[in-house]
């Protein structure tokens, strides 16, 4: 997976965890906003990390994220479901 896909995936997962939103809840929020997604389609997109910018913005919008600081995630990208590990960042 490209490092950019991984960053987008981790950023979205972090925002979901920060707000306590599960993939099922996200699917319901998207449906309420008129965006047809299922829990399994969300699981797949986020697991692969190859979702569109539109999907990314839709998700952030429905969970109430109005601003993100990319630099915040470059140093502290820890996801609740992942084991503690030291990550090495590459400057691309």
N, C-alpha and C. Protein backbone atom coordinates (compact mmCIF):
# COMPACT_ATOMS: atom_id res chain seq x y z
N UNK A 1 0.86 -1.18 0.00
CA UNK A 1 0.00 0.00 0.00
C UNK A 1 0.89 1.23 0.00
N UNK A 2 0.52 2.21 -0.79
CA UNK A 2 1.33 3.41 -0.83
C UNK A 2 1.25 4.14 0.51
N UNK A 3 2.29 4.89 0.82
CA UNK A 3 2.31 5.61 2.09
C UNK A 3 1.19 6.66 2.14
N UNK A 4 0.81 7.21 0.99
CA UNK A 4 -0.28 8.20 0.98
C UNK A 4 -1.61 7.54 1.29
N UNK A 5 -1.85 6.36 0.72
CA UNK A 5 -3.08 5.63 1.05
C UNK A 5 -3.11 5.29 2.53
N UNK A 6 -1.98 4.87 3.05
CA UNK A 6 -1.89 4.50 4.46
C UNK A 6 -2.17 5.72 5.35
N UNK A 7 -1.64 6.87 4.98
CA UNK A 7 -1.90 8.09 5.76
C UNK A 7 -3.39 8.45 5.76
N UNK A 8 -4.02 8.36 4.59
CA UNK A 8 -5.45 8.69 4.49
C UNK A 8 -6.27 7.71 5.31
N UNK A 9 -5.94 6.44 5.22
CA UNK A 9 -6.64 5.41 5.98
C UNK A 9 -6.50 5.66 7.48
N UNK A 10 -5.30 5.91 7.93
CA UNK A 10 -5.05 6.11 9.35
C UNK A 10 -5.71 7.40 9.85
N UNK A 11 -5.71 8.42 9.04
CA UNK A 11 -6.34 9.67 9.43
C UNK A 11 -7.84 9.48 9.60
N UNK A 12 -8.49 8.80 8.65
CA UNK A 12 -9.92 8.56 8.75
C UNK A 12 -10.23 7.67 9.96
N UNK A 13 -9.46 6.60 10.15
CA UNK A 13 -9.69 5.72 11.29
C UNK A 13 -9.50 6.47 12.61
N UNK A 14 -8.51 7.33 12.67
CA UNK A 14 -8.27 8.10 13.89
C UNK A 14 -9.43 9.03 14.21
N UNK A 15 -9.97 9.68 13.18
CA UNK A 15 -11.11 10.58 13.40
C UNK A 15 -12.34 9.80 13.85
N UNK A 16 -12.54 8.61 13.32
CA UNK A 16 -13.67 7.78 13.76
C UNK A 16 -13.50 7.37 15.21
N UNK A 17 -12.30 6.94 15.57
CA UNK A 17 -12.02 6.53 16.95
C UNK A 17 -12.17 7.72 17.89
N UNK A 18 -11.64 8.87 17.49
CA UNK A 18 -11.71 10.07 18.32
C UNK A 18 -13.15 10.43 18.67
N UNK A 19 -14.06 10.18 17.73
CA UNK A 19 -15.47 10.52 17.95
C UNK A 19 -16.31 9.33 18.40
N UNK A 20 -15.68 8.18 18.55
CA UNK A 20 -16.40 6.98 19.00
C UNK A 20 -17.43 6.49 18.00
N UNK A 21 -17.12 6.62 16.70
CA UNK A 21 -18.05 6.22 15.65
C UNK A 21 -17.58 4.90 15.04
N UNK A 22 -18.45 3.89 15.07
CA UNK A 22 -18.14 2.60 14.47
C UNK A 22 -18.46 2.65 12.97
N UNK A 23 -18.02 1.63 12.26
CA UNK A 23 -18.30 1.57 10.83
C UNK A 23 -19.81 1.44 10.58
N UNK A 24 -20.51 0.72 11.46
CA UNK A 24 -21.98 0.60 11.33
C UNK A 24 -22.65 1.95 11.51
N UNK A 25 -22.21 2.69 12.52
CA UNK A 25 -22.76 4.02 12.75
C UNK A 25 -22.43 4.96 11.59
N UNK A 26 -21.22 4.84 11.06
CA UNK A 26 -20.84 5.66 9.91
C UNK A 26 -21.74 5.36 8.72
N UNK A 27 -22.02 4.08 8.48
CA UNK A 27 -22.91 3.69 7.38
C UNK A 27 -24.28 4.35 7.56
N UNK A 28 -24.82 4.31 8.78
CA UNK A 28 -26.12 4.93 9.05
C UNK A 28 -26.07 6.44 8.84
N UNK A 29 -24.99 7.08 9.28
CA UNK A 29 -24.85 8.52 9.10
C UNK A 29 -24.79 8.89 7.62
N UNK A 30 -24.05 8.10 6.85
CA UNK A 30 -23.95 8.36 5.41
C UNK A 30 -25.31 8.17 4.73
N UNK A 31 -26.03 7.13 5.12
CA UNK A 31 -27.36 6.88 4.55
C UNK A 31 -28.29 8.05 4.86
N UNK A 32 -28.24 8.55 6.09
CA UNK A 32 -29.07 9.70 6.46
C UNK A 32 -28.72 10.94 5.63
N UNK A 33 -27.47 11.01 5.18
CA UNK A 33 -27.05 12.14 4.34
C UNK A 33 -27.31 11.87 2.86
N UNK A 34 -27.95 10.73 2.56
CA UNK A 34 -28.28 10.41 1.17
C UNK A 34 -27.17 9.72 0.41
N UNK A 35 -26.20 9.17 1.13
CA UNK A 35 -25.06 8.49 0.50
C UNK A 35 -25.19 7.00 0.79
N UNK A 36 -25.40 6.20 -0.26
CA UNK A 36 -25.62 4.77 -0.10
C UNK A 36 -24.30 4.02 0.11
N UNK A 37 -24.06 3.62 1.34
CA UNK A 37 -22.91 2.81 1.71
C UNK A 37 -23.39 1.77 2.71
N UNK A 38 -22.77 0.61 2.68
CA UNK A 38 -23.07 -0.42 3.68
C UNK A 38 -21.88 -0.55 4.61
N UNK A 39 -22.08 -1.18 5.74
CA UNK A 39 -20.98 -1.40 6.67
C UNK A 39 -19.87 -2.19 5.98
N UNK A 40 -20.23 -3.21 5.21
CA UNK A 40 -19.20 -4.01 4.56
C UNK A 40 -18.44 -3.23 3.50
N UNK A 41 -19.11 -2.33 2.78
CA UNK A 41 -18.38 -1.53 1.78
C UNK A 41 -17.44 -0.56 2.47
N UNK A 42 -17.87 -0.01 3.60
CA UNK A 42 -17.01 0.89 4.39
C UNK A 42 -15.83 0.12 4.95
N UNK A 43 -16.09 -1.07 5.50
CA UNK A 43 -15.00 -1.91 6.02
C UNK A 43 -13.95 -2.14 4.94
N UNK A 44 -14.40 -2.51 3.75
CA UNK A 44 -13.47 -2.80 2.65
C UNK A 44 -12.66 -1.58 2.24
N UNK A 45 -13.34 -0.46 2.06
CA UNK A 45 -12.65 0.76 1.61
C UNK A 45 -11.60 1.19 2.63
N UNK A 46 -11.99 1.20 3.90
CA UNK A 46 -11.04 1.66 4.92
C UNK A 46 -9.91 0.66 5.11
N UNK A 47 -10.21 -0.63 5.06
CA UNK A 47 -9.17 -1.65 5.21
C UNK A 47 -8.13 -1.54 4.09
N UNK A 48 -8.61 -1.36 2.85
CA UNK A 48 -7.70 -1.22 1.71
C UNK A 48 -6.98 0.12 1.73
N UNK A 49 -7.68 1.14 2.21
CA UNK A 49 -7.10 2.48 2.20
C UNK A 49 -7.10 3.10 0.83
N UNK A 50 -7.93 2.58 -0.06
CA UNK A 50 -7.96 3.10 -1.44
C UNK A 50 -9.33 3.68 -1.75
N UNK A 51 -9.77 4.61 -0.93
CA UNK A 51 -11.05 5.26 -1.14
C UNK A 51 -10.84 6.60 -1.83
N UNK A 52 -11.92 7.09 -2.41
CA UNK A 52 -11.84 8.37 -3.12
C UNK A 52 -11.79 9.54 -2.15
N UNK A 53 -11.35 10.66 -2.66
CA UNK A 53 -11.36 11.89 -1.86
C UNK A 53 -12.79 12.25 -1.49
N UNK A 54 -13.73 11.98 -2.38
CA UNK A 54 -15.14 12.26 -2.10
C UNK A 54 -15.63 11.46 -0.91
N UNK A 55 -15.31 10.16 -0.89
CA UNK A 55 -15.70 9.31 0.23
C UNK A 55 -15.07 9.82 1.53
N UNK A 56 -13.81 10.18 1.48
CA UNK A 56 -13.09 10.69 2.64
C UNK A 56 -13.79 11.94 3.21
N UNK A 57 -14.11 12.87 2.33
CA UNK A 57 -14.76 14.12 2.75
C UNK A 57 -16.18 13.85 3.25
N UNK A 58 -16.89 12.94 2.58
CA UNK A 58 -18.23 12.58 3.04
C UNK A 58 -18.19 12.03 4.47
N UNK A 59 -17.27 11.13 4.72
CA UNK A 59 -17.14 10.52 6.05
C UNK A 59 -16.81 11.57 7.10
N UNK A 60 -15.82 12.40 6.81
CA UNK A 60 -15.43 13.43 7.78
C UNK A 60 -16.59 14.39 8.03
N UNK A 61 -17.33 14.71 6.98
CA UNK A 61 -18.44 15.65 7.11
C UNK A 61 -19.54 15.09 8.01
N UNK A 62 -19.96 13.84 7.77
CA UNK A 62 -21.08 13.29 8.54
C UNK A 62 -20.73 13.02 10.00
N UNK A 63 -19.44 12.83 10.30
CA UNK A 63 -19.07 12.62 11.71
C UNK A 63 -18.80 13.94 12.43
N UNK A 64 -18.92 15.04 11.70
CA UNK A 64 -18.78 16.36 12.32
C UNK A 64 -17.37 16.90 12.36
N UNK A 65 -16.49 16.34 11.55
CA UNK A 65 -15.11 16.83 11.50
C UNK A 65 -15.06 17.98 10.50
N UNK A 66 -14.80 19.17 11.00
CA UNK A 66 -14.76 20.34 10.14
C UNK A 66 -13.34 20.80 9.82
N UNK A 67 -12.38 20.29 10.58
CA UNK A 67 -11.00 20.71 10.37
C UNK A 67 -10.08 19.57 10.79
N UNK A 68 -9.05 19.32 9.99
CA UNK A 68 -8.04 18.33 10.36
C UNK A 68 -6.67 18.96 10.23
N UNK A 69 -5.80 18.58 11.11
CA UNK A 69 -4.41 19.02 11.07
C UNK A 69 -3.57 17.82 10.66
N UNK A 70 -3.11 17.82 9.45
CA UNK A 70 -2.33 16.70 8.94
C UNK A 70 -1.09 16.47 9.78
N UNK A 71 -0.43 17.53 10.20
CA UNK A 71 0.80 17.39 10.97
C UNK A 71 0.55 16.66 12.29
N UNK A 72 -0.65 16.78 12.87
CA UNK A 72 -0.98 16.06 14.10
C UNK A 72 -0.87 14.56 13.92
N UNK A 73 -1.18 14.07 12.73
CA UNK A 73 -1.23 12.64 12.48
C UNK A 73 0.11 12.07 12.03
N UNK A 74 0.98 12.90 11.57
CA UNK A 74 2.26 12.40 11.08
C UNK A 74 3.15 11.93 12.21
N UNK A 75 2.98 12.47 13.40
CA UNK A 75 3.82 12.07 14.52
C UNK A 75 3.14 11.06 15.43
N UNK A 76 1.81 11.10 15.52
CA UNK A 76 1.11 10.28 16.51
C UNK A 76 0.04 9.40 15.87
N UNK A 77 0.35 8.68 14.85
CA UNK A 77 -0.64 7.85 14.19
C UNK A 77 -0.78 6.50 14.90
N UNK A 78 -1.57 6.48 15.95
CA UNK A 78 -1.82 5.24 16.66
C UNK A 78 -3.31 4.96 16.58
N UNK A 79 -3.66 3.77 16.16
CA UNK A 79 -5.05 3.37 16.03
C UNK A 79 -5.38 2.39 17.15
N UNK A 80 -6.56 2.51 17.71
CA UNK A 80 -6.95 1.70 18.86
C UNK A 80 -6.85 0.21 18.58
N UNK A 81 -7.17 -0.24 17.38
CA UNK A 81 -7.20 -1.67 17.08
C UNK A 81 -5.84 -2.22 16.66
N UNK A 82 -4.83 -1.39 16.61
CA UNK A 82 -3.52 -1.83 16.17
C UNK A 82 -2.59 -1.99 17.36
N UNK A 83 -1.65 -2.93 17.27
CA UNK A 83 -0.70 -3.07 18.37
C UNK A 83 0.22 -1.86 18.44
N UNK A 84 0.72 -1.60 19.66
CA UNK A 84 1.69 -0.51 19.82
C UNK A 84 2.93 -0.84 18.99
N UNK A 85 3.36 0.09 18.20
CA UNK A 85 4.55 -0.12 17.39
C UNK A 85 5.18 1.23 17.13
N UNK A 86 6.45 1.21 16.90
CA UNK A 86 7.16 2.43 16.52
C UNK A 86 7.10 2.54 15.00
N UNK A 87 6.60 3.67 14.52
CA UNK A 87 6.49 3.88 13.09
C UNK A 87 7.59 4.83 12.65
N UNK A 88 8.17 4.53 11.51
CA UNK A 88 9.18 5.38 10.93
C UNK A 88 8.56 6.12 9.76
N UNK A 89 8.66 7.42 9.81
CA UNK A 89 8.11 8.24 8.73
C UNK A 89 9.17 8.51 7.69
N UNK A 90 8.76 8.44 6.43
CA UNK A 90 9.65 8.77 5.33
C UNK A 90 9.25 10.14 4.81
N UNK A 91 10.19 10.94 4.51
CA UNK A 91 9.91 12.23 3.87
C UNK A 91 9.88 12.01 2.39
N UNK A 92 8.70 12.15 1.80
CA UNK A 92 8.53 11.92 0.34
C UNK A 92 8.56 13.22 -0.38
